Amino acid sequence: MRKSYNTKNMPDAPNENSELGIGEIEHYLRVVGGGDEFRENAEMKAKYFNADGTLNTEAIRAADVYELISPSPRRALDLNKAYMTIVKDQDFIHGRDANLKPANNVYRRINEDVPVLPQEKTQKCSGLIILYIITRTLDHSSSRLEVKHGNKLYKRI
């Protein structure tokens, strides 16, 4: 039987690698500076960022995981439509994620001399790589979680 989690009333989980003692979602929003990788999610910006672009930590800490990760019903419908277009067209030139409008926060051309991230945005990493592998068969689906470091397998669930 599949176990599901109710994210309502669930607090943001502490981020293991954060020296600030903050939750994982708060950490992500702080590092990325927006609600998605392109910093294009206007709904997240309005809810969890101040006008100057800084994180509204009070709003984030007052929200449960459900509020932090769930779009409004209108945004959810718009994202469904956008994703359906990608699937129908099989057009992944702009990635697999549905965007409601063209992304502005991306390089149009890559400059090899520019660092990937400014130093203050780089993160420490434990070195563990977690792979979530989903396999499907005709009559059921199953998944397993593997934790690896280099070629050494530590755990398979």
Protein backbone atom coordinates (compact mmCIF):
# COMPACT_ATOMS: atom_id res chain seq x y z
CA MET A 1 0.00 0.00 0.00
CA ARG A 2 1.26 3.47 -0.89
CA LYS A 3 1.83 5.82 2.02
CA SER A 4 0.83 9.43 1.48
CA TYR A 5 1.62 12.44 3.59
CA ASN A 6 -0.65 15.29 4.51
CA THR A 7 1.38 18.48 4.13
CA LYS A 8 -1.24 20.67 5.80
CA ASN A 9 0.02 21.77 9.22
CA MET A 10 3.41 20.20 8.41
CA PRO A 11 6.26 22.59 9.27
CA ASP A 12 9.20 23.18 6.93
CA ALA A 13 11.76 20.42 7.60
CA PRO A 14 15.10 21.57 9.02
CA ASN A 15 17.80 21.79 6.37
CA GLU A 16 20.69 19.53 7.36
CA ASN A 17 23.33 21.56 5.51
CA SER A 18 22.11 25.01 6.54
CA GLU A 19 24.32 26.87 8.96
CA LEU A 20 21.39 29.24 9.60
CA GLY A 21 19.12 26.63 11.21
CA ILE A 22 16.33 27.23 8.71
CA GLY A 23 13.94 24.90 6.90
CA GLU A 24 14.60 23.27 3.52
CA ILE A 25 12.00 25.32 1.64
CA GLU A 26 13.14 28.57 3.24
CA HIS A 27 16.73 27.65 2.38
CA TYR A 28 15.79 26.96 -1.25
CA LEU A 29 13.89 30.24 -1.60
CA ARG A 30 16.77 32.16 -0.01
CA VAL A 31 19.40 30.62 -2.31
CA VAL A 32 17.38 30.76 -5.53
CA GLY A 33 15.83 34.15 -4.86
CA GLY A 34 12.46 33.06 -6.22
CA GLY A 35 9.84 30.34 -6.22
CA ASP A 36 11.40 28.37 -9.07
CA GLU A 37 14.74 27.94 -10.82
CA PHE A 38 14.04 30.86 -13.17
CA ARG A 39 12.71 33.19 -10.44
CA GLU A 40 9.61 33.68 -12.62
CA ASN A 41 6.84 32.54 -10.25
CA ALA A 42 5.02 35.83 -9.57
CA GLU A 43 2.67 34.15 -7.11
CA MET A 44 5.58 33.01 -4.90
CA LYS A 45 7.25 36.41 -5.21
CA ALA A 46 4.09 38.17 -4.02
CA LYS A 47 3.57 35.80 -1.08
CA TYR A 48 7.09 35.21 0.20
CA PHE A 49 9.34 38.05 -0.99
CA ASN A 50 9.51 41.71 -0.02
CA ALA A 51 9.35 44.50 -2.61
CA ASP A 52 13.17 44.79 -2.53
CA GLY A 53 13.54 41.08 -3.45
CA THR A 54 14.56 39.90 0.02
CA LEU A 55 12.88 36.92 1.61
CA ASN A 56 9.86 37.57 3.83
CA THR A 57 10.92 35.12 6.54
CA GLU A 58 7.91 35.95 8.70
CA ALA A 59 5.50 34.86 5.94
CA ILE A 60 7.49 31.70 5.18
CA ARG A 61 7.71 30.61 8.80
CA ALA A 62 3.98 31.22 9.30
CA ALA A 63 3.08 28.93 6.37
CA ASP A 64 2.90 25.14 6.41
CA VAL A 65 4.42 22.97 3.68
CA TYR A 66 1.09 22.76 1.85
CA GLU A 67 0.89 26.56 1.54
CA LEU A 68 4.56 26.80 0.57
CA ILE A 69 4.41 24.30 -2.30
CA SER A 70 0.82 24.50 -3.60
CA PRO A 71 -0.16 26.92 -6.34
CA SER A 72 -3.46 28.76 -6.25
CA PRO A 73 -6.29 26.98 -8.11
CA ARG A 74 -5.99 29.50 -10.99
CA ARG A 75 -2.22 29.00 -11.32
CA ALA A 76 -2.63 25.21 -11.12
CA LEU A 77 -5.12 25.25 -14.02
CA ASP A 78 -2.84 27.54 -16.05
CA LEU A 79 0.16 25.27 -15.42
CA ASN A 80 -1.90 22.22 -16.44
CA LYS A 81 -2.80 23.90 -19.74
CA ALA A 82 0.80 24.93 -20.38
CA TYR A 83 2.08 21.44 -19.63
CA MET A 84 -0.58 19.82 -21.82
CA THR A 85 0.70 21.93 -24.71
CA ILE A 86 4.25 20.68 -24.10
CA VAL A 87 3.05 17.07 -24.01
CA LYS A 88 0.86 17.35 -27.12
CA ASP A 89 3.59 19.06 -29.12
CA GLN A 90 6.40 16.95 -27.63
CA ASP A 91 8.32 20.22 -27.68
CA PHE A 92 10.92 20.25 -24.92
CA ILE A 93 13.21 22.91 -26.38
CA HIS A 94 12.55 25.13 -23.34
CA GLY A 95 12.67 22.23 -20.87
CA ARG A 96 10.02 19.97 -19.39
CA ASP A 97 8.67 22.46 -16.86
CA ALA A 98 5.58 24.40 -17.78
CA ASN A 99 6.15 28.15 -17.85
CA LEU A 100 3.25 30.54 -18.18
CA LYS A 101 5.33 33.07 -20.09
CA PRO A 102 8.85 33.14 -21.53
CA ALA A 103 11.55 33.20 -18.85
CA ASN A 104 13.46 36.46 -18.50
CA ASN A 105 16.03 35.28 -15.97
CA VAL A 106 18.01 33.04 -18.30
CA TYR A 107 21.06 33.63 -20.43
CA ARG A 108 20.30 34.00 -24.13
CA ARG A 109 23.94 33.15 -24.81
CA ILE A 110 26.36 31.39 -22.50
CA ASN A 111 29.54 33.26 -21.55
CA GLU A 112 32.11 30.63 -20.55
CA ASP A 113 34.08 33.21 -18.50
CA VAL A 114 31.20 33.98 -16.14
CA PRO A 115 31.07 31.78 -13.01
CA VAL A 116 28.01 29.56 -12.66
CA LEU A 117 27.13 31.07 -9.27
CA PRO A 118 28.46 33.97 -7.26
CA GLN A 119 30.57 32.76 -4.32
CA GLU A 120 27.91 33.71 -1.74
CA LYS A 121 25.39 31.42 -3.48
CA THR A 122 27.59 28.30 -3.56
CA GLN A 123 26.57 25.50 -1.19
CA LYS A 124 28.37 22.90 0.86
CA CYS A 125 27.43 19.37 -0.10
CA SER A 126 27.72 16.16 1.88
CA GLY A 127 28.74 14.28 -1.26
CA LEU A 128 25.74 11.94 -1.17
CA ILE A 129 23.84 11.56 -4.38
CA ILE A 130 20.27 10.42 -3.99
CA LEU A 131 18.76 8.77 -7.03
CA TYR A 132 15.05 8.16 -7.20
CA ILE A 133 14.49 5.53 -9.83
CA ILE A 134 10.98 4.84 -11.03
CA THR A 135 10.29 1.69 -12.98
CA ARG A 136 6.98 0.85 -14.56
CA THR A 137 5.55 -2.44 -15.69
CA LEU A 138 2.30 -3.10 -17.52
CA ASP A 139 0.16 -3.83 -14.48
CA HIS A 140 1.80 -1.85 -11.64
CA SER A 141 4.41 0.73 -10.85
CA SER A 142 7.15 0.52 -8.29
CA SER A 143 9.95 2.75 -7.16
CA ARG A 144 13.13 2.44 -5.18
CA LEU A 145 15.41 4.93 -3.53
CA GLU A 146 19.18 4.54 -3.72
CA VAL A 147 21.73 6.50 -1.72
CA LYS A 148 25.18 6.46 -3.31
CA HIS A 149 28.51 8.13 -2.72
CA GLY A 150 30.67 7.70 -5.78
CA ASN A 151 30.15 4.09 -6.88
CA LYS A 152 29.40 2.80 -3.38
CA LEU A 153 25.75 1.97 -2.71
CA TYR A 154 24.79 2.77 0.89
CA LYS A 155 21.09 2.12 0.99
CA ARG A 156 18.36 0.79 -1.28
CA ILE A 157 14.74 1.12 -0.28
